Amino acid sequence: MIEDVAAVIAFWGVTPRSGCNLDDNSRLALAALDLGKSMGAGVVVHCSSAAVYRPGTSPVSEADPACPGSDYGRAKLAMEKAIEESASGEGPRNIILRIGNVAGADSLFANLRPGGRITLDRFPDGSSPARSYIAPPDLVRVIEALVEDVTAEGTYNVAAPLPTEMGEIARAAGCTIDWRVAPETAVPKVWLDTSRLSRILALPSGAAAADHLVKGAQAGGTWP
């Protein structure tokens, strides 16, 4: 056992773009749990995803049924269940983060270039897709707060308190938008209810501002 290890932060995982087996998410989570136990860590933080939810028009909370609509979401939900089944009364606390879109690390930012062009869906009300985002520096603050609060345990939605339209982000990034009519399969909004997180760390509404997210992506070194 290594002394003075406060936490193991498990940022490792498998995404669809990697081409790897998505079931490895469960294997990696259990490896993180074993590592935490062997090192005497007080807490292990696992990264799940908003993909475990089925999107709707209302905010979704941790108490809502998980109903993933993708293989990735199903793999992350299986990972969460594996963690719960392996947890015991002894050993570190387990914290599972259902993270929204991280500014700079999602598919939108991957296609944004300052001064460039991007094509976005437009819905009948004139809006563009809205998602729950979080800037990398805010994500660090959330993790620090959860690690330091000894009462924190279980599952937390992690995002700014309000969703952000992708069109606003594109404009804040200095891009020109080419609009197309949103297909019927397009999802207008994914909004995570962060009420539970706010009892430990309440991010301000400005955490969802497009310019804040763009600056956060730059500060985090993930964009451009």
C-alpha atoms as a PDB file:
ATOM      1  CA  MET A   1       0.000   0.000   0.000  1.00  0.00           C
ATOM      2  CA  ILE A   2       1.258   3.464  -0.892  1.00  0.00           C
ATOM      3  CA  GLU A   3       0.678   6.069   1.792  1.00  0.00           C
ATOM      4  CA  ASP A   4      -1.055   9.418   1.305  1.00  0.00           C
ATOM      5  CA  VAL A   5      -2.989   8.552  -1.856  1.00  0.00           C
ATOM      6  CA  ALA A   6      -6.189  10.565  -1.626  1.00  0.00           C
ATOM      7  CA  ALA A   7      -7.872   9.502  -4.846  1.00  0.00           C
ATOM      8  CA  VAL A   8      -7.622   7.594  -8.082  1.00  0.00           C
ATOM      9  CA  ILE A   9      -9.117   9.550 -10.993  1.00  0.00           C
ATOM     10  CA  ALA A  10      -9.916   7.089 -13.778  1.00  0.00           C
ATOM     11  CA  PHE A  11      -9.964   9.111 -16.982  1.00  0.00           C
ATOM     12  CA  TRP A  12      -9.206   6.054 -19.062  1.00  0.00           C
ATOM     13  CA  GLY A  13     -11.970   4.596 -21.196  1.00  0.00           C
ATOM     14  CA  VAL A  14     -12.972   3.411 -24.649  1.00  0.00           C
ATOM     15  CA  THR A  15     -14.940   5.581 -27.074  1.00  0.00           C
ATOM     16  CA  PRO A  16     -16.588   4.563 -30.366  1.00  0.00           C
ATOM     17  CA  ARG A  17     -13.964   6.426 -32.401  1.00  0.00           C
ATOM     18  CA  SER A  18     -11.167   4.330 -30.896  1.00  0.00           C
ATOM     19  CA  GLY A  19     -12.312   1.193 -32.710  1.00  0.00           C
ATOM     20  CA  CYS A  20     -11.691  -0.811 -29.536  1.00  0.00           C
ATOM     21  CA  ASN A  21     -14.080  -3.090 -27.675  1.00  0.00           C
ATOM     22  CA  LEU A  22     -16.539  -0.898 -25.761  1.00  0.00           C
ATOM     23  CA  ASP A  23     -16.848  -3.610 -23.100  1.00  0.00           C
ATOM     24  CA  ASP A  24     -13.323  -2.633 -22.030  1.00  0.00           C
ATOM     25  CA  ASN A  25     -14.931   0.284 -20.176  1.00  0.00           C
ATOM     26  CA  SER A  26     -16.076  -2.156 -17.500  1.00  0.00           C
ATOM     27  CA  ARG A  27     -12.695  -3.856 -17.353  1.00  0.00           C
ATOM     28  CA  LEU A  28     -10.893  -0.541 -16.949  1.00  0.00           C
ATOM     29  CA  ALA A  29     -13.290   0.641 -14.244  1.00  0.00           C
ATOM     30  CA  LEU A  30     -12.731  -2.509 -12.207  1.00  0.00           C
ATOM     31  CA  ALA A  31      -8.983  -2.101 -12.681  1.00  0.00           C
ATOM     32  CA  ALA A  32      -9.267   1.433 -11.290  1.00  0.00           C
ATOM     33  CA  LEU A  33     -11.210   0.110  -8.320  1.00  0.00           C
ATOM     34  CA  ASP A  34      -8.569  -2.561  -7.666  1.00  0.00           C
ATOM     35  CA  LEU A  35      -5.846   0.077  -7.965  1.00  0.00           C
ATOM     36  CA  GLY A  36      -7.629   2.314  -5.489  1.00  0.00           C
ATOM     37  CA  LYS A  37      -7.956  -0.508  -2.993  1.00  0.00           C
ATOM     38  CA  SER A  38      -4.314  -1.552  -3.344  1.00  0.00           C
ATOM     39  CA  MET A  39      -3.105   2.017  -2.851  1.00  0.00           C
ATOM     40  CA  GLY A  40      -5.377   2.760   0.095  1.00  0.00           C
ATOM     41  CA  ALA A  41      -7.088   5.612  -1.757  1.00  0.00           C
ATOM     42  CA  GLY A  42     -10.050   7.267  -0.101  1.00  0.00           C
ATOM     43  CA  VAL A  43     -12.045   7.544  -3.319  1.00  0.00           C
ATOM     44  CA  VAL A  44     -12.068   6.340  -6.917  1.00  0.00           C
ATOM     45  CA  VAL A  45     -13.636   8.640  -9.506  1.00  0.00           C
ATOM     46  CA  HIS A  46     -15.024   6.970 -12.626  1.00  0.00           C
ATOM     47  CA  CYS A  47     -16.028   8.713 -15.857  1.00  0.00           C
ATOM     48  CA  SER A  48     -19.374   7.685 -17.296  1.00  0.00           C
ATOM     49  CA  SER A  49     -21.429   9.649 -19.802  1.00  0.00           C
ATOM     50  CA  ALA A  50     -24.707  11.427 -20.490  1.00  0.00           C
ATOM     51  CA  ALA A  51     -25.110   8.754 -23.178  1.00  0.00           C
ATOM     52  CA  VAL A  52     -26.699   6.468 -20.559  1.00  0.00           C
ATOM     53  CA  TYR A  53     -29.843   8.619 -20.798  1.00  0.00           C
ATOM     54  CA  ARG A  54     -32.436   8.766 -23.539  1.00  0.00           C
ATOM     55  CA  PRO A  55     -32.671  12.446 -24.511  1.00  0.00           C
ATOM     56  CA  GLY A  56     -35.909  14.341 -23.932  1.00  0.00           C
ATOM     57  CA  THR A  57     -37.190  17.879 -23.737  1.00  0.00           C
ATOM     58  CA  SER A  58     -36.797  18.078 -19.946  1.00  0.00           C
ATOM     59  CA  PRO A  59     -33.683  17.924 -17.764  1.00  0.00           C
ATOM     60  CA  VAL A  60     -32.722  14.362 -16.804  1.00  0.00           C
ATOM     61  CA  SER A  61     -31.568  13.576 -13.291  1.00  0.00           C
ATOM     62  CA  GLU A  62     -29.681  10.694 -11.732  1.00  0.00           C
ATOM     63  CA  ALA A  63     -33.024   9.412 -10.413  1.00  0.00           C
ATOM     64  CA  ASP A  64     -34.444   9.050 -13.924  1.00  0.00           C
ATOM     65  CA  PRO A  65     -34.234   5.586 -15.520  1.00  0.00           C
ATOM     66  CA  ALA A  66     -31.144   5.075 -17.619  1.00  0.00           C
ATOM     67  CA  CYS A  67     -32.158   4.149 -21.154  1.00  0.00           C
ATOM     68  CA  PRO A  68     -29.161   4.410 -23.500  1.00  0.00           C
ATOM     69  CA  GLY A  69     -29.833   4.573 -27.199  1.00  0.00           C
ATOM     70  CA  SER A  70     -26.336   3.668 -28.401  1.00  0.00           C
ATOM     71  CA  ASP A  71     -23.785   0.906 -27.937  1.00  0.00           C
ATOM     72  CA  TYR A  72     -21.518   3.397 -26.195  1.00  0.00           C
ATOM     73  CA  GLY A  73     -24.255   4.368 -23.740  1.00  0.00           C
ATOM     74  CA  ARG A  74     -25.038   0.729 -23.045  1.00  0.00           C
ATOM     75  CA  ALA A  75     -21.357   0.006 -22.423  1.00  0.00           C
ATOM     76  CA  LYS A  76     -21.099   2.899 -19.966  1.00  0.00           C
ATOM     77  CA  LEU A  77     -24.232   1.760 -18.137  1.00  0.00           C
ATOM     78  CA  ALA A  78     -22.799  -1.751 -17.916  1.00  0.00           C
ATOM     79  CA  MET A  79     -19.635  -0.192 -16.488  1.00  0.00           C
ATOM     80  CA  GLU A  80     -21.658   1.592 -13.808  1.00  0.00           C
ATOM     81  CA  LYS A  81     -23.387  -1.665 -12.842  1.00  0.00           C
ATOM     82  CA  ALA A  82     -20.046  -3.478 -12.674  1.00  0.00           C
ATOM     83  CA  ILE A  83     -18.743  -0.829 -10.271  1.00  0.00           C
ATOM     84  CA  GLU A  84     -21.835  -1.081  -8.087  1.00  0.00           C
ATOM     85  CA  GLU A  85     -21.666  -4.880  -7.984  1.00  0.00           C
ATOM     86  CA  SER A  86     -17.970  -4.851  -7.078  1.00  0.00           C
ATOM     87  CA  ALA A  87     -18.242  -2.211  -4.373  1.00  0.00           C
ATOM     88  CA  SER A  88     -18.249  -3.385  -0.780  1.00  0.00           C
ATOM     89  CA  GLY A  89     -18.537  -1.759   2.598  1.00  0.00           C
ATOM     90  CA  GLU A  90     -14.755  -1.600   2.743  1.00  0.00           C
ATOM     91  CA  GLY A  91     -12.339   0.210   0.507  1.00  0.00           C
ATOM     92  CA  PRO A  92     -12.614   3.559  -1.264  1.00  0.00           C
ATOM     93  CA  ARG A  93     -15.753   5.519  -2.016  1.00  0.00           C
ATOM     94  CA  ASN A  94     -16.877   5.260  -5.613  1.00  0.00           C
ATOM     95  CA  ILE A  95     -17.981   8.361  -7.490  1.00  0.00           C
ATOM     96  CA  ILE A  96     -19.426   7.981 -10.981  1.00  0.00           C
ATOM     97  CA  LEU A  97     -19.515  11.082 -13.173  1.00  0.00           C
ATOM     98  CA  ARG A  98     -22.162  11.173 -15.890  1.00  0.00           C
ATOM     99  CA  ILE A  99     -20.431  13.877 -17.874  1.00  0.00           C
ATOM    100  CA  GLY A 100     -22.041  15.984 -20.565  1.00  0.00           C
ATOM    101  CA  ASN A 101     -20.094  17.341 -23.529  1.00  0.00           C
ATOM    102  CA  VAL A 102     -16.625  18.536 -22.515  1.00  0.00           C
ATOM    103  CA  ALA A 103     -15.741  21.694 -24.425  1.00  0.00           C
ATOM    104  CA  GLY A 104     -12.885  20.954 -26.775  1.00  0.00           C
ATOM    105  CA  ALA A 105     -13.276  17.191 -26.591  1.00  0.00           C
ATOM    106  CA  ASP A 106     -16.582  16.568 -28.382  1.00  0.00           C
ATOM    107  CA  SER A 107     -17.506  16.190 -32.048  1.00  0.00           C
ATOM    108  CA  LEU A 108     -18.569  19.843 -32.398  1.00  0.00           C
ATOM    109  CA  PHE A 109     -15.211  21.262 -31.324  1.00  0.00           C
ATOM    110  CA  ALA A 110     -13.447  18.642 -33.465  1.00  0.00           C
ATOM    111  CA  ASN A 111     -15.014  20.342 -36.486  1.00  0.00           C
ATOM    112  CA  LEU A 112     -14.546  23.964 -35.375  1.00  0.00           C
ATOM    113  CA  ARG A 113     -11.693  26.080 -36.661  1.00  0.00           C
ATOM    114  CA  PRO A 114     -11.467  29.827 -35.989  1.00  0.00           C
ATOM    115  CA  GLY A 115     -12.505  31.610 -39.159  1.00  0.00           C
ATOM    116  CA  GLY A 116     -13.774  28.380 -40.692  1.00  0.00           C
ATOM    117  CA  ARG A 117     -17.225  27.117 -41.634  1.00  0.00           C
ATOM    118  CA  ILE A 118     -19.403  24.476 -40.074  1.00  0.00           C
ATOM    119  CA  THR A 119     -22.750  22.930 -41.000  1.00  0.00           C
ATOM    120  CA  LEU A 120     -25.332  22.668 -38.226  1.00  0.00           C
ATOM    121  CA  ASP A 121     -28.912  21.463 -37.990  1.00  0.00           C
ATOM    122  CA  ARG A 122     -31.656  24.052 -37.594  1.00  0.00           C
ATOM    123  CA  PHE A 123     -34.937  23.070 -36.000  1.00  0.00           C
ATOM    124  CA  PRO A 124     -38.347  24.562 -36.921  1.00  0.00           C
ATOM    125  CA  ASP A 125     -38.130  27.080 -34.050  1.00  0.00           C
ATOM    126  CA  GLY A 126     -34.832  28.388 -35.456  1.00  0.00           C
ATOM    127  CA  SER A 127     -32.662  26.807 -32.772  1.00  0.00           C
ATOM    128  CA  SER A 128     -29.603  24.641 -33.191  1.00  0.00           C
ATOM    129  CA  PRO A 129     -28.883  21.466 -31.163  1.00  0.00           C
ATOM    130  CA  ALA A 130     -28.404  22.244 -27.466  1.00  0.00           C
ATOM    131  CA  ARG A 131     -26.288  20.119 -25.163  1.00  0.00           C
ATOM    132  CA  SER A 132     -25.133  20.157 -21.564  1.00  0.00           C
ATOM    133  CA  TYR A 133     -21.503  21.280 -21.750  1.00  0.00           C
ATOM    134  CA  ILE A 134     -18.740  21.797 -19.241  1.00  0.00           C
ATOM    135  CA  ALA A 135     -15.423  23.615 -19.696  1.00  0.00           C
ATOM    136  CA  PRO A 136     -12.278  21.639 -18.778  1.00  0.00           C
ATOM    137  CA  PRO A 137     -11.297  23.978 -15.891  1.00  0.00           C
ATOM    138  CA  ASP A 138     -14.804  23.606 -14.434  1.00  0.00           C
ATOM    139  CA  LEU A 139     -14.568  19.835 -14.726  1.00  0.00           C
ATOM    140  CA  VAL A 140     -11.371  19.958 -12.674  1.00  0.00           C
ATOM    141  CA  ARG A 141     -13.146  22.051 -10.035  1.00  0.00           C
ATOM    142  CA  VAL A 142     -15.986  19.540  -9.868  1.00  0.00           C
ATOM    143  CA  ILE A 143     -13.656  16.596  -9.405  1.00  0.00           C
ATOM    144  CA  GLU A 144     -11.678  18.401  -6.703  1.00  0.00           C
ATOM    145  CA  ALA A 145     -14.872  19.272  -4.818  1.00  0.00           C
ATOM    146  CA  LEU A 146     -16.215  15.721  -4.976  1.00  0.00           C
ATOM    147  CA  VAL A 147     -12.917  14.215  -3.858  1.00  0.00           C
ATOM    148  CA  GLU A 148     -12.594  16.602  -0.934  1.00  0.00           C
ATOM    149  CA  ASP A 149     -16.185  16.176   0.299  1.00  0.00           C
ATOM    150  CA  VAL A 150     -16.189  12.922   2.262  1.00  0.00           C
ATOM    151  CA  THR A 151     -19.976  12.676   1.939  1.00  0.00           C
ATOM    152  CA  ALA A 152     -19.811  12.546  -1.852  1.00  0.00           C
ATOM    153  CA  GLU A 153     -20.516   9.080  -3.216  1.00  0.00           C
ATOM    154  CA  GLY A 154     -22.492   7.485  -6.021  1.00  0.00           C
ATOM    155  CA  THR A 155     -23.592   9.002  -9.312  1.00  0.00           C
ATOM    156  CA  TYR A 156     -23.500  12.686 -10.293  1.00  0.00           C
ATOM    157  CA  ASN A 157     -24.520  14.482 -13.464  1.00  0.00           C
ATOM    158  CA  VAL A 158     -21.634  16.785 -14.408  1.00  0.00           C
ATOM    159  CA  ALA A 159     -22.245  19.830 -16.587  1.00  0.00           C
ATOM    160  CA  ALA A 160     -23.043  23.523 -16.468  1.00  0.00           C
ATOM    161  CA  PRO A 161     -26.549  24.110 -15.052  1.00  0.00           C
ATOM    162  CA  LEU A 162     -27.994  25.105 -18.438  1.00  0.00           C
ATOM    163  CA  PRO A 163     -27.575  23.644 -21.925  1.00  0.00           C
ATOM    164  CA  THR A 164     -25.789  25.596 -24.656  1.00  0.00           C
ATOM    165  CA  GLU A 165     -26.743  25.812 -28.311  1.00  0.00           C
ATOM    166  CA  MET A 166     -24.084  24.618 -30.715  1.00  0.00           C
ATOM    167  CA  GLY A 167     -24.746  27.617 -32.937  1.00  0.00           C
ATOM    168  CA  GLU A 168     -23.748  29.947 -30.105  1.00  0.00           C
ATOM    169  CA  ILE A 169     -20.534  28.000 -29.567  1.00  0.00           C
ATOM    170  CA  ALA A 170     -19.690  28.092 -33.268  1.00  0.00           C
ATOM    171  CA  ARG A 171     -20.174  31.867 -33.380  1.00  0.00           C
ATOM    172  CA  ALA A 172     -18.081  32.327 -30.204  1.00  0.00           C
ATOM    173  CA  ALA A 173     -15.345  30.307 -31.901  1.00  0.00           C
ATOM    174  CA  GLY A 174     -15.378  32.693 -34.860  1.00  0.00           C
ATOM    175  CA  CYS A 175     -16.988  30.282 -37.313  1.00  0.00           C
ATOM    176  CA  THR A 176     -19.465  30.863 -40.111  1.00  0.00           C
ATOM    177  CA  ILE A 177     -22.487  28.567 -39.928  1.00  0.00           C
ATOM    178  CA  ASP A 178     -24.081  26.839 -42.911  1.00  0.00           C
ATOM    179  CA  TRP A 179     -27.575  25.755 -41.868  1.00  0.00           C
ATOM    180  CA  ARG A 180     -29.467  22.665 -42.927  1.00  0.00           C
ATOM    181  CA  VAL A 181     -32.951  21.497 -42.003  1.00  0.00           C
ATOM    182  CA  ALA A 182     -32.699  19.164 -39.029  1.00  0.00           C
ATOM    183  CA  PRO A 183     -33.697  15.595 -39.921  1.00  0.00           C
ATOM    184  CA  GLU A 184     -36.416  13.867 -37.913  1.00  0.00           C
ATOM    185  CA  THR A 185     -33.777  11.785 -36.146  1.00  0.00           C
ATOM    186  CA  ALA A 186     -31.909  14.851 -34.841  1.00  0.00           C
ATOM    187  CA  VAL A 187     -31.982  15.395 -31.074  1.00  0.00           C
ATOM    188  CA  PRO A 188     -32.824  19.023 -30.219  1.00  0.00           C
ATOM    189  CA  LYS A 189     -31.615  19.009 -26.622  1.00  0.00           C
ATOM    190  CA  VAL A 190     -29.722  16.985 -24.031  1.00  0.00           C
ATOM    191  CA  TRP A 191     -30.010  18.668 -20.644  1.00  0.00           C
ATOM    192  CA  LEU A 192     -28.505  17.198 -17.486  1.00  0.00           C
ATOM    193  CA  ASP A 193     -30.117  18.133 -14.183  1.00  0.00           C
ATOM    194  CA  THR A 194     -27.176  19.043 -11.940  1.00  0.00           C
ATOM    195  CA  SER A 195     -29.154  19.663  -8.745  1.00  0.00           C
ATOM    196  CA  ARG A 196     -27.368  16.881  -6.878  1.00  0.00           C
ATOM    197  CA  LEU A 197     -23.941  18.173  -7.879  1.00  0.00           C
ATOM    198  CA  SER A 198     -24.917  21.724  -6.909  1.00  0.00           C
ATOM    199  CA  ARG A 199     -25.248  20.678  -3.265  1.00  0.00           C
ATOM    200  CA  ILE A 200     -21.471  20.161  -3.290  1.00  0.00           C
ATOM    201  CA  LEU A 201     -20.396  22.616  -5.981  1.00  0.00           C
ATOM    202  CA  ALA A 202     -22.840  24.949  -7.685  1.00  0.00           C
ATOM    203  CA  LEU A 203     -21.487  26.109 -11.018  1.00  0.00           C
ATOM    204  CA  PRO A 204     -22.901  29.504 -12.067  1.00  0.00           C
ATOM    205  CA  SER A 205     -25.189  29.906 -15.069  1.00  0.00           C
ATOM    206  CA  GLY A 206     -22.263  31.628 -16.814  1.00  0.00           C
ATOM    207  CA  ALA A 207     -20.533  28.250 -16.946  1.00  0.00           C
ATOM    208  CA  ALA A 208     -22.829  27.511 -19.888  1.00  0.00           C
ATOM    209  CA  ALA A 209     -21.962  30.703 -21.810  1.00  0.00           C
ATOM    210  CA  ALA A 210     -20.555  29.937 -25.239  1.00  0.00           C
ATOM    211  CA  ASP A 211     -17.535  32.229 -24.885  1.00  0.00           C
ATOM    212  CA  HIS A 212     -16.737  30.673 -21.479  1.00  0.00           C
ATOM    213  CA  LEU A 213     -16.768  27.202 -23.043  1.00  0.00           C
ATOM    214  CA  VAL A 214     -14.546  28.282 -25.932  1.00  0.00           C
ATOM    215  CA  LYS A 215     -12.052  29.928 -23.563  1.00  0.00           C
ATOM    216  CA  GLY A 216     -12.176  26.845 -21.329  1.00  0.00           C
ATOM    217  CA  ALA A 217     -11.384  24.591 -24.285  1.00  0.00           C
ATOM    218  CA  GLN A 218      -8.402  26.792 -25.116  1.00  0.00           C
ATOM    219  CA  ALA A 219      -7.233  26.852 -21.484  1.00  0.00           C
ATOM    220  CA  GLY A 220      -7.531  23.089 -21.296  1.00  0.00           C
ATOM    221  CA  GLY A 221      -5.286  22.679 -24.319  1.00  0.00           C
ATOM    222  CA  THR A 222      -7.895  20.608 -26.155  1.00  0.00           C
ATOM    223  CA  TRP A 223      -8.795  23.180 -28.822  1.00  0.00           C
ATOM    224  CA  PRO A 224      -8.079  24.451 -31.426  1.00  0.00           C
END
